[in-house]
Amino acid sequence: MSTELTQEYLKSRKIKLTDACKDICKYMGVEYEKQFYHRVHAYMNGTGHLTQEELEGIKAYKEVTENPHGSGVYAYRMRKVKFDVLERYMASGIYNATVVRNMFKHIRSIK
């Protein structure tokens, strides 16, 4: 999957660049700022550069817009992972290695 975000891509999805930038910021876990919009716009025109984190945010955004059902299934299945149990095991240092290994196998199998 390409990390390229183009005007044609946005136009085909009927998405405004501003809205796309706001959503991409959510993927990166940061507040939307107008400067980010300008950096993305410059990048799309070939006159600017983005950080690796911003490119990964764009890639995640495109993945979700191209396959929303698959992303929803992934998010739903991840909700069922017992992270609290895993966290408690790791913090205490006392745990059944087989159980922890099986938890990680389950997490890896979700994607």
Protein backbone atom coordinates (compact mmCIF):
# COMPACT_ATOMS: atom_id res chain seq x y z
CA MET A 1 0.00 0.00 0.00
CA SER A 2 1.31 3.39 -0.96
CA THR A 3 1.58 6.21 1.55
CA GLU A 4 0.90 8.70 -1.23
CA LEU A 5 -2.09 10.91 -0.57
CA THR A 6 -3.15 12.58 -3.80
CA GLN A 7 -5.87 14.97 -4.88
CA GLU A 8 -7.24 12.24 -7.16
CA TYR A 9 -7.47 9.81 -4.25
CA LEU A 10 -9.31 12.33 -2.08
CA LYS A 11 -11.56 13.35 -4.96
CA SER A 12 -12.47 9.72 -5.71
CA ARG A 13 -13.40 9.24 -2.03
CA LYS A 14 -15.20 12.62 -1.89
CA ILE A 15 -13.06 13.74 1.06
CA LYS A 16 -11.78 17.27 1.71
CA LEU A 17 -8.09 17.58 2.51
CA THR A 18 -8.94 19.37 5.76
CA ASP A 19 -11.11 16.48 6.92
CA ALA A 20 -8.45 13.95 5.89
CA CYS A 21 -5.81 15.87 7.87
CA LYS A 22 -8.04 15.96 10.95
CA ASP A 23 -8.55 12.19 10.72
CA ILE A 24 -4.84 11.54 10.14
CA CYS A 25 -4.06 13.50 13.31
CA LYS A 26 -6.35 11.15 15.22
CA TYR A 27 -4.31 8.18 13.97
CA MET A 28 -1.13 9.86 15.19
CA GLY A 29 -2.72 10.76 18.55
CA VAL A 30 -2.10 14.50 18.22
CA GLU A 31 -4.27 17.59 18.05
CA TYR A 32 -5.05 18.90 14.59
CA GLU A 33 -3.22 22.10 13.72
CA LYS A 34 -3.43 24.20 10.59
CA GLN A 35 0.34 23.84 10.15
CA PHE A 36 -0.14 20.10 9.63
CA TYR A 37 -2.62 20.82 6.84
CA HIS A 38 -0.07 23.10 5.18
CA ARG A 39 2.71 20.48 5.49
CA VAL A 40 0.47 17.80 3.93
CA HIS A 41 -0.59 20.17 1.17
CA ALA A 42 3.05 21.01 0.41
CA TYR A 43 3.93 17.31 0.46
CA MET A 44 1.13 16.53 -2.00
CA ASN A 45 2.44 19.28 -4.32
CA GLY A 46 5.97 17.87 -4.08
CA THR A 47 7.43 20.88 -2.30
CA GLY A 48 7.47 19.63 1.28
CA HIS A 49 8.46 16.71 3.47
CA LEU A 50 6.65 14.81 6.20
CA THR A 51 8.01 12.94 9.19
CA GLN A 52 7.96 9.15 9.32
CA GLU A 53 5.16 9.30 11.91
CA GLU A 54 3.06 11.49 9.61
CA LEU A 55 3.64 9.13 6.68
CA GLU A 56 2.59 6.18 8.87
CA GLY A 57 -0.54 8.12 9.86
CA ILE A 58 -1.37 8.64 6.19
CA LYS A 59 -0.79 4.95 5.48
CA ALA A 60 -3.12 3.96 8.35
CA TYR A 61 -5.74 6.45 7.14
CA LYS A 62 -5.63 5.08 3.60
CA GLU A 63 -5.82 1.50 4.87
CA VAL A 64 -8.98 2.27 6.82
CA THR A 65 -10.65 4.26 4.03
CA GLU A 66 -9.90 1.52 1.51
CA ASN A 67 -11.00 -1.35 3.78
CA PRO A 68 -13.30 -0.02 6.51
CA HIS A 69 -14.88 -3.40 7.20
CA GLY A 70 -11.53 -5.11 7.79
CA SER A 71 -10.42 -2.30 10.09
CA GLY A 72 -13.66 -2.52 12.04
CA VAL A 73 -13.28 -6.28 12.48
CA TYR A 74 -9.71 -5.78 13.72
CA ALA A 75 -10.77 -3.11 16.22
CA TYR A 76 -13.64 -5.26 17.47
CA ARG A 77 -11.45 -8.33 17.92
CA MET A 78 -8.76 -6.33 19.72
CA ARG A 79 -11.34 -5.21 22.29
CA LYS A 80 -11.62 -8.81 23.45
CA VAL A 81 -7.91 -9.14 24.26
CA LYS A 82 -7.35 -9.32 28.01
CA PHE A 83 -4.72 -6.59 28.22
CA ASP A 84 -5.41 -6.01 31.93
CA VAL A 85 -4.46 -9.61 32.70
CA LEU A 86 -1.37 -9.39 30.52
CA GLU A 87 -0.36 -6.11 32.18
CA ARG A 88 -0.86 -7.56 35.67
CA TYR A 89 1.27 -10.60 34.76
CA MET A 90 4.07 -8.50 33.32
CA ALA A 91 4.08 -6.07 36.28
CA SER A 92 4.18 -8.81 38.89
CA GLY A 93 6.84 -10.89 37.18
CA ILE A 94 4.96 -13.98 38.30
CA TYR A 95 2.97 -15.63 35.55
CA ASN A 96 2.43 -18.81 33.64
CA ALA A 97 4.67 -18.53 30.57
CA THR A 98 2.38 -20.73 28.49
CA VAL A 99 -0.62 -18.49 29.18
CA VAL A 100 1.34 -15.35 28.27
CA ARG A 101 2.71 -16.98 25.11
CA ASN A 102 -0.83 -17.98 24.10
CA MET A 103 -2.05 -14.42 24.70
CA PHE A 104 0.62 -13.05 22.37
CA LYS A 105 -0.20 -15.71 19.75
CA HIS A 106 -3.83 -14.64 19.94
CA ILE A 107 -2.92 -10.96 19.53
CA ARG A 108 -0.71 -11.74 16.52
CA SER A 109 -3.43 -13.87 14.93
CA ILE A 110 -5.97 -11.03 14.98
CA LYS A 111 -4.34 -9.05 12.16
